[in-house]
Amino acid sequence: MALPSGLRAKVEHLLARNSWFSSLPSGLQEEILARSVVKNCARGKVINTEGSKSPGLMLLLEGQVAVTHWVGNEEEILIHVGEPGLWFGEVALLTDGEAIVNFVAKSDVRILLLPAFEFERMVARDPKSYRHFARLALERYVLLYRLIAEDRSLAPELRVRARLSDMVDARIVDRPEEGAVELTLSQADLAALLGLSRQTVNEVLQRLARQGLVELGFRKIVVPRPDELRSDLQLPPHELNAG
């Protein structure tokens, strides 16, 4: 199903700055867009649950998606808050297995969906294309290992700065090359992402605000000069939306 011309232009603009998609052969890019459909989900709707099959490869076009995981039967852990440009659903799709996380709409969202059956047709026709999709998942695992190392080795302030920097890098798909970046993120969500108390995160953010590294608002954190946030962390930038 062809995307409406106005929406296709918006999707192409979003994808032009996505490192994974822009690295694909032009023919594969075109085929993904040609085989994809747009889905709308209301706030609070569960897009996909862990333990279920993936509906396909999904790209967040508008809104926010919470990525969570159940620990035992009672505690749901927030792993990531995705914004436009986030690809998701690839692990269960590639393995033809079950999803390992939940995807929940934190707001009204619009998603570009490459259905699982269309993915299977593409890979059956051109088995080499599987490598491109596999790279999407592998790049996410590289990021995951780094986050685990940071959580075990960095002091709280450096962990906050590193995670905010990662989220800023992820926003490159829908922001100018330079200038302030606004993250739609509550302090409670940031604390949950890092496994820190809200009080600790608030104290760190207040220190960063006094240094001019962040500006705090209601359910938002503005990073006026992104390069300074990571300047002395000795950690390379990483684009979350690459995988």
Protein backbone atom coordinates (compact mmCIF):
# COMPACT_ATOMS: atom_id res chain seq x y z
CA MET A 1 0.00 0.00 0.00
CA ALA A 2 1.54 3.29 -1.08
CA LEU A 3 1.88 5.96 1.57
CA PRO A 4 0.01 9.22 0.92
CA SER A 5 2.37 11.72 -0.70
CA GLY A 6 2.31 14.18 2.22
CA LEU A 7 2.97 11.49 4.80
CA ARG A 8 5.61 9.83 2.64
CA ALA A 9 7.54 13.11 2.48
CA LYS A 10 7.45 13.34 6.27
CA VAL A 11 8.61 9.73 6.65
CA GLU A 12 11.43 10.21 4.16
CA HIS A 13 12.58 13.35 6.00
CA LEU A 14 12.64 11.42 9.27
CA LEU A 15 14.51 8.50 7.77
CA ALA A 16 17.08 10.59 5.90
CA ARG A 17 18.88 11.20 9.20
CA ASN A 18 18.50 7.67 10.56
CA SER A 19 21.87 5.95 10.40
CA TRP A 20 20.50 2.44 9.86
CA PHE A 21 17.93 3.23 7.19
CA SER A 22 20.11 5.70 5.30
CA SER A 23 22.85 3.04 5.03
CA LEU A 24 20.55 0.58 3.24
CA PRO A 25 20.72 0.08 -0.53
CA SER A 26 18.28 2.44 -2.21
CA GLY A 27 16.27 -0.46 -3.60
CA LEU A 28 15.77 -1.93 -0.15
CA GLN A 29 14.77 1.46 1.25
CA GLU A 30 12.15 1.82 -1.43
CA GLU A 31 10.83 -1.70 -0.89
CA ILE A 32 10.46 -1.18 2.86
CA LEU A 33 8.46 2.00 2.30
CA ALA A 34 6.35 0.41 -0.44
CA ARG A 35 5.42 -2.58 1.74
CA SER A 36 4.76 -0.63 4.95
CA VAL A 37 1.51 0.73 6.34
CA VAL A 38 0.73 3.43 8.91
CA LYS A 39 -0.95 2.58 12.20
CA ASN A 40 -2.32 4.91 14.86
CA CYS A 41 -2.43 3.92 18.53
CA ALA A 42 -4.10 5.77 21.40
CA ARG A 43 -2.27 6.67 24.58
CA GLY A 44 -2.00 3.71 26.93
CA LYS A 45 -2.48 1.10 24.21
CA VAL A 46 -0.15 -1.88 24.34
CA ILE A 47 1.44 -2.10 20.90
CA ASN A 48 3.14 -5.43 21.52
CA THR A 49 3.69 -7.53 24.63
CA GLU A 50 6.61 -9.68 25.68
CA GLY A 51 5.94 -13.32 25.01
CA SER A 52 3.98 -12.56 21.83
CA LYS A 53 4.91 -12.59 18.17
CA SER A 54 6.01 -9.32 16.62
CA PRO A 55 3.52 -7.76 14.18
CA GLY A 56 6.54 -6.61 12.17
CA LEU A 57 9.27 -4.01 12.10
CA MET A 58 7.98 -0.72 13.46
CA LEU A 59 9.17 2.88 13.21
CA LEU A 60 7.80 5.50 15.57
CA LEU A 61 6.69 8.51 13.52
CA GLU A 62 4.92 10.57 16.17
CA GLY A 63 4.52 10.43 19.94
CA GLN A 64 6.34 8.40 22.58
CA VAL A 65 6.65 4.68 23.25
CA ALA A 66 7.60 3.15 26.60
CA VAL A 67 9.76 0.03 26.43
CA THR A 68 9.26 -2.11 29.54
CA HIS A 69 10.05 -5.58 30.86
CA TRP A 70 8.41 -7.65 33.56
CA VAL A 71 10.62 -8.91 36.39
CA GLY A 72 8.75 -11.80 37.95
CA ASN A 73 4.99 -11.39 37.90
CA GLU A 74 4.64 -8.09 39.73
CA GLU A 75 7.30 -5.54 38.77
CA GLU A 76 7.39 -3.86 35.36
CA ILE A 77 10.71 -2.11 34.70
CA LEU A 78 11.00 0.89 32.37
CA ILE A 79 13.89 0.31 29.95
CA HIS A 80 13.57 3.15 27.46
CA VAL A 81 11.30 5.98 26.36
CA GLY A 82 11.38 6.11 22.58
CA GLU A 83 10.66 9.18 20.48
CA PRO A 84 10.19 9.64 16.71
CA GLY A 85 12.84 7.74 14.76
CA LEU A 86 12.84 4.67 17.03
CA TRP A 87 12.81 1.29 15.27
CA PHE A 88 11.40 -1.54 17.35
CA GLY A 89 10.02 -5.07 17.15
CA GLU A 90 13.02 -6.42 15.27
CA VAL A 91 14.18 -9.12 17.73
CA ALA A 92 11.04 -11.24 17.68
CA LEU A 93 10.70 -10.60 13.95
CA LEU A 94 14.22 -11.77 13.11
CA THR A 95 14.10 -14.85 15.34
CA ASP A 96 10.48 -15.72 14.54
CA GLY A 97 10.21 -15.99 18.30
CA GLU A 98 8.58 -14.10 21.13
CA ALA A 99 9.06 -10.45 22.04
CA ILE A 100 11.31 -9.92 25.06
CA VAL A 101 9.90 -6.49 26.01
CA ASN A 102 6.60 -4.61 26.01
CA PHE A 103 5.92 -1.59 23.81
CA VAL A 104 3.28 0.77 25.20
CA ALA A 105 2.07 4.07 23.76
CA LYS A 106 2.89 6.83 26.29
CA SER A 107 0.94 9.27 24.13
CA ASP A 108 -1.13 9.04 20.98
CA VAL A 109 1.33 7.61 18.48
CA ARG A 110 1.68 7.02 14.77
CA ILE A 111 3.74 4.07 13.60
CA LEU A 112 5.11 2.92 10.26
CA LEU A 113 4.74 -0.88 10.21
CA LEU A 114 6.49 -3.30 7.90
CA PRO A 115 4.24 -6.33 8.52
CA ALA A 116 5.89 -9.63 9.41
CA PHE A 117 4.50 -11.36 6.32
CA GLU A 118 5.94 -8.63 4.09
CA PHE A 119 9.32 -8.99 5.80
CA GLU A 120 9.22 -12.74 5.16
CA ARG A 121 8.46 -12.15 1.48
CA MET A 122 11.38 -9.72 1.17
CA VAL A 123 13.85 -12.09 2.83
CA ALA A 124 12.60 -15.07 0.81
CA ARG A 125 13.10 -13.12 -2.41
CA ASP A 126 16.52 -11.76 -1.39
CA PRO A 127 18.08 -13.71 1.52
CA LYS A 128 21.04 -11.29 1.65
CA SER A 129 18.72 -8.53 2.83
CA TYR A 130 18.43 -10.37 6.16
CA ARG A 131 21.92 -9.14 7.09
CA HIS A 132 20.75 -5.52 6.95
CA PHE A 133 17.88 -6.21 9.35
CA ALA A 134 20.14 -8.28 11.62
CA ARG A 135 22.50 -5.31 11.94
CA LEU A 136 19.63 -3.29 13.33
CA ALA A 137 19.30 -5.73 16.24
CA LEU A 138 23.04 -6.18 16.75
CA GLU A 139 23.64 -2.45 17.05
CA ARG A 140 21.07 -2.35 19.83
CA TYR A 141 22.94 -5.08 21.68
CA VAL A 142 26.15 -3.07 21.44
CA LEU A 143 24.34 -0.20 23.15
CA LEU A 144 22.86 -2.55 25.75
CA TYR A 145 26.28 -3.85 26.79
CA ARG A 146 27.56 -0.31 27.15
CA LEU A 147 24.59 0.70 29.30
CA ILE A 148 25.17 -2.31 31.55
CA ALA A 149 28.82 -1.33 31.97
CA GLU A 150 27.89 2.28 32.73
CA ASP A 151 25.29 1.23 35.31
CA ARG A 152 27.88 -0.88 37.13
CA SER A 153 30.83 1.50 36.99
CA LEU A 154 29.72 5.13 36.83
CA ALA A 155 28.73 7.37 39.73
CA PRO A 156 25.09 8.59 39.68
CA GLU A 157 25.90 12.00 38.14
CA LEU A 158 27.87 10.47 35.30
CA ARG A 159 25.13 7.90 34.71
CA VAL A 160 22.54 10.67 34.45
CA ARG A 161 24.71 12.64 32.05
CA ALA A 162 25.49 9.58 29.92
CA ARG A 163 21.83 8.54 29.61
CA LEU A 164 20.68 12.06 28.79
CA SER A 165 23.42 12.29 26.19
CA ASP A 166 22.27 9.02 24.62
CA MET A 167 18.73 10.35 24.41
CA VAL A 168 19.95 13.60 22.86
CA ASP A 169 21.85 11.61 20.24
CA ALA A 170 18.66 9.69 19.49
CA ARG A 171 16.80 12.93 18.80
CA ILE A 172 19.10 13.77 15.88
CA VAL A 173 16.43 12.45 13.53
CA ASP A 174 14.06 15.30 14.24
CA ARG A 175 16.19 18.24 15.34
CA PRO A 176 18.59 20.69 13.71
CA GLU A 177 22.28 19.87 13.55
CA GLU A 178 23.03 22.34 16.32
CA GLY A 179 21.20 24.02 19.19
CA ALA A 180 19.23 23.01 22.26
CA VAL A 181 17.46 19.65 22.42
CA GLU A 182 14.27 19.24 24.42
CA LEU A 183 13.61 15.80 25.89
CA THR A 184 10.02 15.04 26.85
CA LEU A 185 10.95 13.14 29.96
CA SER A 186 9.87 13.34 33.58
CA GLN A 187 12.37 13.04 36.40
CA ALA A 188 10.44 9.99 37.61
CA ASP A 189 10.91 8.28 34.24
CA LEU A 190 14.61 9.16 34.19
CA ALA A 191 15.01 7.72 37.69
CA ALA A 192 13.23 4.53 36.60
CA LEU A 193 15.44 4.21 33.52
CA LEU A 194 18.57 4.45 35.65
CA GLY A 195 17.42 2.45 38.65
CA LEU A 196 18.11 5.45 40.90
CA SER A 197 15.85 7.14 43.43
CA ARG A 198 13.91 10.17 42.24
CA GLN A 199 15.59 12.21 44.98
CA THR A 200 19.05 11.28 43.72
CA VAL A 201 18.13 12.13 40.13
CA ASN A 202 16.61 15.44 41.21
CA GLU A 203 19.77 16.38 43.13
CA VAL A 204 21.95 15.53 40.12
CA LEU A 205 19.73 17.49 37.73
CA GLN A 206 19.75 20.50 40.02
CA ARG A 207 23.57 20.44 40.01
CA LEU A 208 23.63 20.12 36.23
CA ALA A 209 21.16 23.01 35.97
CA ARG A 210 23.40 25.22 38.10
CA GLN A 211 26.27 24.38 35.72
CA GLY A 212 24.11 25.36 32.74
CA LEU A 213 24.20 21.83 31.30
CA VAL A 214 20.42 21.33 31.51
CA GLU A 215 17.26 23.39 31.93
CA LEU A 216 14.40 21.83 33.85
CA GLY A 217 10.70 22.18 33.09
CA PHE A 218 7.46 20.30 33.65
CA ARG A 219 8.01 16.76 32.32
CA LYS A 220 10.85 17.97 30.16
CA ILE A 221 14.62 18.40 30.27
CA VAL A 222 16.30 20.80 27.87
CA VAL A 223 19.96 20.30 26.96
CA PRO A 224 21.17 23.68 25.63
CA ARG A 225 24.65 22.55 24.53
CA PRO A 226 24.64 18.77 23.94
CA ASP A 227 28.40 18.47 23.35
CA GLU A 228 29.17 19.81 26.82
CA LEU A 229 26.98 17.19 28.49
CA ARG A 230 29.31 14.39 27.36
CA SER A 231 32.52 16.40 27.08
CA ASP A 232 34.39 14.82 29.99
CA LEU A 233 32.67 11.43 30.17
CA GLN A 234 35.16 9.81 27.78
CA LEU A 235 32.29 7.91 26.21
CA PRO A 236 31.55 7.90 22.47
CA PRO A 237 28.17 9.18 21.28
CA HIS A 238 25.74 6.51 20.17
CA GLU A 239 22.53 6.86 18.21
CA LEU A 240 19.82 4.94 20.04
CA ASN A 241 17.57 4.95 17.02
CA ALA A 242 20.09 3.02 14.95
CA GLY A 243 18.69 -0.14 16.38
